Amino acid sequence: ELTAIEAILLQHPIVREAVVTVREESSGSKRLIAYLVPKQKPAPTNKELRSFLKQKLPEYMIPGTFVILEVLPLTPSGKVNRQTLPVPEQIQSQEEKMSKILSM
């Protein structure tokens, strides 16, 4: 099913690359995370992506989190290195730190 979600994300006019993974939370629950590389800036918003996917997928197949990356990490053989995809919480905390620094 993950490849089906990726294929539909790639139909979005601003999405160049997409990878969807399942992350297990500390509580044991699982959530879908989509990693995207946009074709242009500004990148599509979470709201735009959810709206786009809702037209084509059932609710349970829509990722709860969208992470915008400049490039997808690759293995030496050129495949997406899913092990090195950033954890969304790490990205948010880094962005929060940067916004605090910039607001000083």
N, C-alpha and C. Protein backbone atom coordinates (compact mmCIF):
# COMPACT_ATOMS: atom_id res chain seq x y z
N GLU A 1 0.81 -1.20 0.00
CA GLU A 1 0.00 0.00 0.00
C GLU A 1 0.86 1.27 0.00
N LEU A 2 2.05 1.19 0.58
CA LEU A 2 2.90 2.39 0.63
C LEU A 2 3.26 2.87 -0.77
N THR A 3 3.54 1.93 -1.67
CA THR A 3 3.88 2.33 -3.03
C THR A 3 2.69 2.96 -3.74
N ALA A 4 1.48 2.54 -3.39
CA ALA A 4 0.28 3.15 -3.97
C ALA A 4 0.15 4.60 -3.52
N ILE A 5 0.42 4.86 -2.26
CA ILE A 5 0.36 6.23 -1.74
C ILE A 5 1.44 7.08 -2.41
N GLU A 6 2.64 6.53 -2.54
CA GLU A 6 3.74 7.24 -3.21
C GLU A 6 3.36 7.58 -4.65
N ALA A 7 2.77 6.63 -5.35
CA ALA A 7 2.40 6.85 -6.76
C ALA A 7 1.39 7.98 -6.88
N ILE A 8 0.45 8.06 -5.96
CA ILE A 8 -0.54 9.14 -6.02
C ILE A 8 0.09 10.48 -5.64
N LEU A 9 0.97 10.49 -4.66
CA LEU A 9 1.68 11.73 -4.33
C LEU A 9 2.47 12.25 -5.52
N LEU A 10 3.05 11.36 -6.30
CA LEU A 10 3.82 11.76 -7.48
C LEU A 10 2.94 12.37 -8.57
N GLN A 11 1.63 12.18 -8.47
CA GLN A 11 0.71 12.79 -9.43
C GLN A 11 0.48 14.27 -9.12
N HIS A 12 0.83 14.69 -7.90
CA HIS A 12 0.66 16.11 -7.53
C HIS A 12 1.62 16.93 -8.40
N PRO A 13 1.16 18.04 -8.97
CA PRO A 13 2.00 18.80 -9.91
C PRO A 13 3.27 19.40 -9.31
N ILE A 14 3.36 19.52 -7.99
CA ILE A 14 4.55 20.14 -7.40
C ILE A 14 5.48 19.10 -6.76
N VAL A 15 5.09 17.84 -6.74
CA VAL A 15 5.91 16.81 -6.08
C VAL A 15 6.81 16.12 -7.10
N ARG A 16 8.13 16.18 -6.86
CA ARG A 16 9.11 15.52 -7.73
C ARG A 16 9.37 14.09 -7.27
N GLU A 17 9.60 13.92 -5.96
CA GLU A 17 9.90 12.60 -5.40
C GLU A 17 9.08 12.41 -4.13
N ALA A 18 8.71 11.16 -3.86
CA ALA A 18 7.94 10.87 -2.65
C ALA A 18 8.28 9.48 -2.13
N VAL A 19 8.38 9.40 -0.81
CA VAL A 19 8.59 8.13 -0.13
C VAL A 19 7.66 8.13 1.08
N VAL A 20 6.96 7.03 1.29
CA VAL A 20 6.08 6.91 2.45
C VAL A 20 6.59 5.77 3.32
N THR A 21 6.66 6.03 4.62
CA THR A 21 7.11 5.02 5.56
C THR A 21 6.12 4.90 6.71
N VAL A 22 6.27 3.85 7.49
CA VAL A 22 5.48 3.66 8.70
C VAL A 22 6.45 3.77 9.87
N ARG A 23 6.15 4.64 10.80
CA ARG A 23 6.97 4.79 12.01
C ARG A 23 6.16 4.32 13.21
N GLU A 24 6.82 3.56 14.06
CA GLU A 24 6.16 3.11 15.28
C GLU A 24 6.46 4.09 16.40
N GLU A 25 5.41 4.53 17.06
CA GLU A 25 5.53 5.46 18.18
C GLU A 25 5.96 4.70 19.43
N SER A 26 6.41 5.43 20.44
CA SER A 26 6.79 4.80 21.70
C SER A 26 5.60 4.11 22.36
N SER A 27 4.39 4.59 22.06
CA SER A 27 3.18 3.98 22.60
C SER A 27 2.82 2.67 21.89
N GLY A 28 3.53 2.37 20.80
CA GLY A 28 3.23 1.15 20.05
C GLY A 28 2.34 1.40 18.84
N SER A 29 1.71 2.57 18.77
CA SER A 29 0.88 2.88 17.62
C SER A 29 1.76 3.20 16.42
N LYS A 30 1.19 3.07 15.24
CA LYS A 30 1.95 3.34 14.02
C LYS A 30 1.33 4.50 13.27
N ARG A 31 2.19 5.25 12.55
CA ARG A 31 1.67 6.35 11.73
C ARG A 31 2.42 6.41 10.41
N LEU A 32 1.69 6.88 9.41
CA LEU A 32 2.27 7.04 8.08
C LEU A 32 2.96 8.40 7.99
N ILE A 33 4.15 8.40 7.41
CA ILE A 33 4.89 9.64 7.19
C ILE A 33 5.29 9.70 5.73
N ALA A 34 5.00 10.81 5.09
CA ALA A 34 5.38 11.01 3.69
C ALA A 34 6.54 11.99 3.63
N TYR A 35 7.59 11.60 2.93
CA TYR A 35 8.75 12.46 2.69
C TYR A 35 8.69 12.90 1.24
N LEU A 36 8.76 14.21 1.01
CA LEU A 36 8.59 14.75 -0.34
C LEU A 36 9.72 15.68 -0.73
N VAL A 37 10.04 15.64 -2.01
CA VAL A 37 10.95 16.61 -2.60
C VAL A 37 10.12 17.38 -3.62
N PRO A 38 9.92 18.69 -3.42
CA PRO A 38 9.10 19.46 -4.36
C PRO A 38 9.86 19.81 -5.63
N LYS A 39 9.10 20.03 -6.71
CA LYS A 39 9.69 20.46 -7.98
C LYS A 39 10.08 21.92 -7.93
N GLN A 40 9.38 22.68 -7.10
CA GLN A 40 9.60 24.13 -7.03
C GLN A 40 9.24 24.63 -5.64
N LYS A 41 9.58 25.85 -5.37
CA LYS A 41 9.19 26.48 -4.12
C LYS A 41 8.14 27.53 -4.43
N PRO A 42 7.19 27.74 -3.58
CA PRO A 42 7.02 27.10 -2.30
C PRO A 42 6.52 25.66 -2.45
N ALA A 43 6.87 24.83 -1.49
CA ALA A 43 6.42 23.45 -1.47
C ALA A 43 4.93 23.42 -1.14
N PRO A 44 4.24 22.37 -1.54
CA PRO A 44 2.82 22.29 -1.18
C PRO A 44 2.66 22.19 0.34
N THR A 45 1.59 22.74 0.86
CA THR A 45 1.34 22.71 2.30
C THR A 45 0.73 21.36 2.68
N ASN A 46 0.77 21.07 3.98
CA ASN A 46 0.15 19.84 4.47
C ASN A 46 -1.33 19.80 4.10
N LYS A 47 -1.99 20.93 4.23
CA LYS A 47 -3.42 21.02 3.91
C LYS A 47 -3.66 20.69 2.42
N GLU A 48 -2.84 21.25 1.54
CA GLU A 48 -2.97 20.97 0.10
C GLU A 48 -2.75 19.49 -0.20
N LEU A 49 -1.73 18.93 0.42
CA LEU A 49 -1.42 17.52 0.18
C LEU A 49 -2.53 16.61 0.69
N ARG A 50 -3.04 16.91 1.88
CA ARG A 50 -4.14 16.10 2.43
C ARG A 50 -5.38 16.20 1.53
N SER A 51 -5.70 17.39 1.10
CA SER A 51 -6.86 17.60 0.24
C SER A 51 -6.70 16.83 -1.07
N PHE A 52 -5.51 16.88 -1.64
CA PHE A 52 -5.22 16.16 -2.88
C PHE A 52 -5.39 14.65 -2.69
N LEU A 53 -4.84 14.13 -1.60
CA LEU A 53 -4.92 12.69 -1.35
C LEU A 53 -6.33 12.23 -1.01
N LYS A 54 -7.10 13.08 -0.32
CA LYS A 54 -8.47 12.71 0.05
C LYS A 54 -9.35 12.46 -1.17
N GLN A 55 -9.00 13.08 -2.29
CA GLN A 55 -9.76 12.87 -3.53
C GLN A 55 -9.49 11.50 -4.13
N LYS A 56 -8.38 10.86 -3.72
CA LYS A 56 -7.95 9.63 -4.39
C LYS A 56 -7.77 8.43 -3.47
N LEU A 57 -7.72 8.66 -2.16
CA LEU A 57 -7.44 7.59 -1.21
C LEU A 57 -8.42 7.59 -0.05
N PRO A 58 -8.62 6.42 0.58
CA PRO A 58 -9.41 6.40 1.81
C PRO A 58 -8.63 7.06 2.94
N GLU A 59 -9.32 7.52 3.94
CA GLU A 59 -8.72 8.27 5.05
C GLU A 59 -7.56 7.53 5.72
N TYR A 60 -7.70 6.23 5.91
CA TYR A 60 -6.65 5.49 6.62
C TYR A 60 -5.34 5.42 5.84
N MET A 61 -5.35 5.75 4.56
CA MET A 61 -4.13 5.72 3.75
C MET A 61 -3.47 7.10 3.61
N ILE A 62 -4.02 8.10 4.24
CA ILE A 62 -3.46 9.45 4.15
C ILE A 62 -2.44 9.65 5.27
N PRO A 63 -1.20 9.96 4.92
CA PRO A 63 -0.17 10.15 5.95
C PRO A 63 -0.56 11.24 6.95
N GLY A 64 -0.18 11.00 8.20
CA GLY A 64 -0.46 11.98 9.25
C GLY A 64 0.56 13.11 9.26
N THR A 65 1.74 12.84 8.69
CA THR A 65 2.81 13.82 8.68
C THR A 65 3.44 13.88 7.30
N PHE A 66 3.72 15.10 6.86
CA PHE A 66 4.42 15.33 5.59
C PHE A 66 5.72 16.06 5.91
N VAL A 67 6.82 15.53 5.40
CA VAL A 67 8.13 16.13 5.63
C VAL A 67 8.70 16.56 4.27
N ILE A 68 9.01 17.82 4.14
CA ILE A 68 9.58 18.34 2.90
C ILE A 68 11.10 18.32 3.01
N LEU A 69 11.75 17.69 2.04
CA LEU A 69 13.21 17.60 2.01
C LEU A 69 13.74 18.21 0.71
N GLU A 70 14.98 18.63 0.73
CA GLU A 70 15.61 19.13 -0.50
C GLU A 70 15.99 17.97 -1.41
N VAL A 71 16.45 16.88 -0.80
CA VAL A 71 16.78 15.65 -1.53
C VAL A 71 16.48 14.46 -0.64
N LEU A 72 16.18 13.33 -1.25
CA LEU A 72 16.01 12.09 -0.49
C LEU A 72 17.38 11.46 -0.28
N PRO A 73 17.64 10.93 0.91
CA PRO A 73 18.94 10.27 1.13
C PRO A 73 19.00 8.97 0.34
N LEU A 74 20.14 8.72 -0.29
CA LEU A 74 20.29 7.54 -1.12
C LEU A 74 21.39 6.62 -0.59
N THR A 75 21.24 5.33 -0.88
CA THR A 75 22.28 4.35 -0.59
C THR A 75 23.32 4.44 -1.69
N PRO A 76 24.49 3.81 -1.53
CA PRO A 76 25.49 3.81 -2.61
C PRO A 76 24.97 3.22 -3.92
N SER A 77 23.96 2.34 -3.83
CA SER A 77 23.40 1.75 -5.05
C SER A 77 22.31 2.62 -5.69
N GLY A 78 22.02 3.79 -5.07
CA GLY A 78 21.07 4.73 -5.67
C GLY A 78 19.63 4.55 -5.22
N LYS A 79 19.37 3.66 -4.27
CA LYS A 79 18.01 3.49 -3.74
C LYS A 79 17.82 4.43 -2.56
N VAL A 80 16.56 4.73 -2.25
CA VAL A 80 16.28 5.60 -1.11
C VAL A 80 16.71 4.90 0.16
N ASN A 81 17.50 5.59 0.97
CA ASN A 81 17.97 5.06 2.24
C ASN A 81 16.94 5.39 3.31
N ARG A 82 15.98 4.50 3.48
CA ARG A 82 14.88 4.74 4.42
C ARG A 82 15.36 4.82 5.87
N GLN A 83 16.49 4.18 6.16
CA GLN A 83 17.02 4.19 7.53
C GLN A 83 17.50 5.58 7.95
N THR A 84 17.88 6.42 6.99
CA THR A 84 18.41 7.74 7.33
C THR A 84 17.40 8.87 7.14
N LEU A 85 16.16 8.54 6.82
CA LEU A 85 15.14 9.58 6.72
C LEU A 85 14.95 10.19 8.11
N PRO A 86 14.86 11.51 8.20
CA PRO A 86 14.77 12.16 9.51
C PRO A 86 13.45 11.85 10.22
N VAL A 87 13.51 11.76 11.53
CA VAL A 87 12.31 11.58 12.34
C VAL A 87 11.61 12.94 12.41
N PRO A 88 10.32 13.01 12.13
CA PRO A 88 9.62 14.31 12.11
C PRO A 88 9.81 15.15 13.36
N GLU A 89 9.87 14.54 14.54
CA GLU A 89 10.06 15.32 15.77
C GLU A 89 11.41 16.03 15.76
N GLN A 90 12.43 15.40 15.20
CA GLN A 90 13.75 16.03 15.13
C GLN A 90 13.69 17.25 14.22
N ILE A 91 12.98 17.15 13.13
CA ILE A 91 12.86 18.27 12.19
C ILE A 91 12.14 19.44 12.85
N GLN A 92 11.04 19.15 13.55
CA GLN A 92 10.28 20.22 14.21
C GLN A 92 11.12 20.91 15.26
N SER A 93 11.86 20.15 16.07
CA SER A 93 12.65 20.80 17.11
C SER A 93 13.76 21.65 16.51
N GLN A 94 14.35 21.21 15.39
CA GLN A 94 15.37 22.01 14.71
C GLN A 94 14.77 23.31 14.17
N GLU A 95 13.56 23.21 13.58
CA GLU A 95 12.90 24.40 13.05
C GLU A 95 12.54 25.37 14.17
N GLU A 96 12.09 24.84 15.31
CA GLU A 96 11.76 25.70 16.43
C GLU A 96 13.00 26.43 16.94
N LYS A 97 14.12 25.73 17.03
CA LYS A 97 15.38 26.36 17.47
C LYS A 97 15.78 27.48 16.51
N MET A 98 15.66 27.22 15.22
CA MET A 98 16.04 28.23 14.22
C MET A 98 15.13 29.46 14.31
N SER A 99 13.84 29.24 14.49
CA SER A 99 12.94 30.38 14.55
C SER A 99 13.21 31.21 15.81
N LYS A 100 13.59 30.57 16.93
CA LYS A 100 13.95 31.31 18.14
C LYS A 100 15.21 32.12 17.92
N ILE A 101 16.19 31.53 17.25
CA ILE A 101 17.44 32.24 16.98
C ILE A 101 17.19 33.44 16.07
N LEU A 102 16.36 33.23 15.05
CA LEU A 102 16.08 34.31 14.09
C LEU A 102 15.27 35.44 14.72
N SER A 103 14.47 35.11 15.72
CA SER A 103 13.64 36.15 16.35
C SER A 103 14.38 36.96 17.38
N MET A 104 15.62 36.58 17.71
CA MET A 104 16.41 37.32 18.71
C MET A 104 16.93 38.61 18.15
